[in-house]
Protein backbone atom coordinates (compact mmCIF):
# COMPACT_ATOMS: atom_id res chain seq x y z
CA MET A 1 3.19 15.49 41.72
CA GLN A 2 3.52 12.44 39.52
CA GLN A 3 4.15 12.99 35.84
CA THR A 4 2.58 10.78 33.25
CA GLY A 5 4.23 10.74 29.89
CA LEU A 6 3.23 9.48 26.55
CA THR A 7 5.42 6.98 24.81
CA ALA A 8 5.97 6.82 21.08
CA SER A 9 7.79 4.53 18.73
CA VAL A 10 9.15 5.79 15.46
CA GLY A 11 10.16 3.90 12.34
CA ILE A 12 12.19 5.67 9.68
CA ALA A 13 12.57 3.99 6.32
CA CYS A 14 12.29 4.66 2.60
CA ASN A 15 8.63 3.64 2.29
CA LYS A 16 5.49 3.35 4.38
CA LEU A 17 5.57 -0.45 4.69
CA LEU A 18 9.12 -0.52 6.00
CA ALA A 19 8.54 2.45 8.32
CA LYS A 20 5.50 0.72 9.84
CA ILE A 21 7.44 -2.50 10.43
CA CYS A 22 10.39 -0.53 11.87
CA CYS A 23 8.03 1.28 14.22
CA GLY A 24 7.22 -2.00 15.95
CA VAL A 25 10.83 -3.06 16.47
CA ASN A 26 11.68 -0.97 19.54
CA LYS A 27 8.26 -0.59 21.14
CA PRO A 28 7.06 0.98 23.32
CA ASN A 29 9.40 3.96 23.30
CA GLY A 30 12.08 3.70 20.67
CA LEU A 31 13.35 4.74 17.30
CA THR A 32 14.38 2.43 14.46
CA TYR A 33 16.12 3.65 11.33
CA LEU A 34 16.45 1.41 8.27
CA GLY A 35 18.90 2.47 5.59
CA ASN A 36 17.73 2.54 2.00
CA THR A 37 20.18 0.15 0.35
CA VAL A 38 18.90 -3.09 -1.10
CA GLU A 39 21.21 -5.09 1.17
CA GLU A 40 20.00 -3.38 4.35
CA ILE A 41 16.35 -3.78 3.42
CA LEU A 42 16.65 -7.45 2.45
CA THR A 43 18.69 -8.28 5.57
CA PHE A 44 16.08 -6.57 7.76
CA MET A 45 13.07 -8.13 6.01
CA LYS A 46 14.44 -11.69 5.89
CA LYS A 47 14.25 -11.90 9.69
CA GLN A 48 10.72 -10.51 10.04
CA HIS A 49 7.86 -12.85 10.92
CA VAL A 50 5.07 -12.92 8.32
CA ARG A 51 2.63 -11.46 10.86
CA LYS A 52 4.69 -8.26 10.97
CA ILE A 53 3.57 -7.45 7.42
CA PRO A 54 0.59 -5.10 7.59
CA GLY A 55 -2.35 -6.84 5.93
CA ILE A 56 -1.47 -10.37 6.99
CA GLY A 57 -3.99 -11.45 9.58
CA LYS A 58 -4.38 -14.49 11.80
CA VAL A 59 -5.96 -16.64 9.10
CA ASN A 60 -3.29 -16.09 6.44
CA GLU A 61 -0.60 -16.40 9.09
CA ALA A 62 -2.01 -19.79 10.13
CA ILE A 63 -2.17 -20.95 6.50
CA MET A 64 1.41 -19.92 5.83
CA VAL A 65 2.75 -21.37 9.08
CA GLY A 66 0.99 -24.61 8.14
CA MET A 67 2.94 -24.49 4.87
CA GLY A 68 6.21 -24.00 6.78
CA ILE A 69 6.38 -20.28 6.02
CA GLU A 70 7.12 -18.21 9.11
CA THR A 71 9.50 -15.45 7.99
CA CYS A 72 9.81 -13.17 4.99
CA ALA A 73 12.82 -15.23 3.92
CA ASP A 74 10.47 -18.25 3.81
CA ILE A 75 8.05 -16.31 1.57
CA ILE A 76 10.83 -15.93 -0.98
CA THR A 77 12.00 -19.54 -0.59
CA TYR A 78 8.48 -20.96 -0.98
CA ALA A 79 7.30 -18.53 -3.67
CA THR A 80 6.19 -21.37 -5.96
CA GLU A 81 3.98 -22.90 -3.27
CA LEU A 82 2.46 -19.49 -2.51
CA TYR A 83 1.79 -18.90 -6.21
CA VAL A 84 -0.11 -22.19 -6.43
CA ASN A 85 -2.10 -21.72 -3.21
CA PHE A 86 -2.95 -18.02 -3.24
CA SER A 87 -4.60 -15.70 -5.76
CA THR A 88 -2.35 -13.75 -8.11
CA ASN A 89 -2.98 -10.52 -6.23
CA ALA A 90 -2.29 -12.11 -2.84
CA PHE A 91 0.89 -13.74 -4.16
CA GLN A 92 2.15 -10.45 -5.58
CA PHE A 93 1.37 -8.67 -2.31
CA LEU A 94 3.19 -11.30 -0.24
CA LEU A 95 6.28 -11.37 -2.44
CA GLN A 96 6.54 -7.59 -2.76
CA SER A 97 6.06 -7.15 0.98
CA ALA A 98 8.70 -9.77 1.81
CA LEU A 99 11.13 -7.84 -0.40
CA GLY A 100 10.25 -4.55 1.29
CA VAL A 101 8.37 -3.07 -1.67
CA SER A 102 5.53 -0.97 -0.35
CA ARG A 103 3.19 -0.52 -3.25
CA VAL A 104 3.62 -0.73 -6.98
CA VAL A 105 1.46 1.69 -8.94
CA HIS A 106 0.47 0.47 -12.39
CA GLU A 107 -0.37 2.99 -15.04
CA ALA A 108 -3.51 2.36 -17.04
């Protein structure tokens, strides 16, 4: 009798964005833990390709790659160019995501 098993990948981090990115690191059947210090988060995020950020699709990826922006480190380096070429909301999303900030809630 042959057994069929389900595989699962798990990402453990201090917020939903980072956990989702971590989940994809050791696919298809692995666990990734990201510590919650600023240094660990920035070191991890700097290496990530822009397409790994949930919410960045093929079109925005192509635009950014055309601008020379391929990693989250590049997002930070080319922040001025992104500010000029994207809407304020899109710019804030990109910069916060590249820094590993999941979602900022503004009080009204």
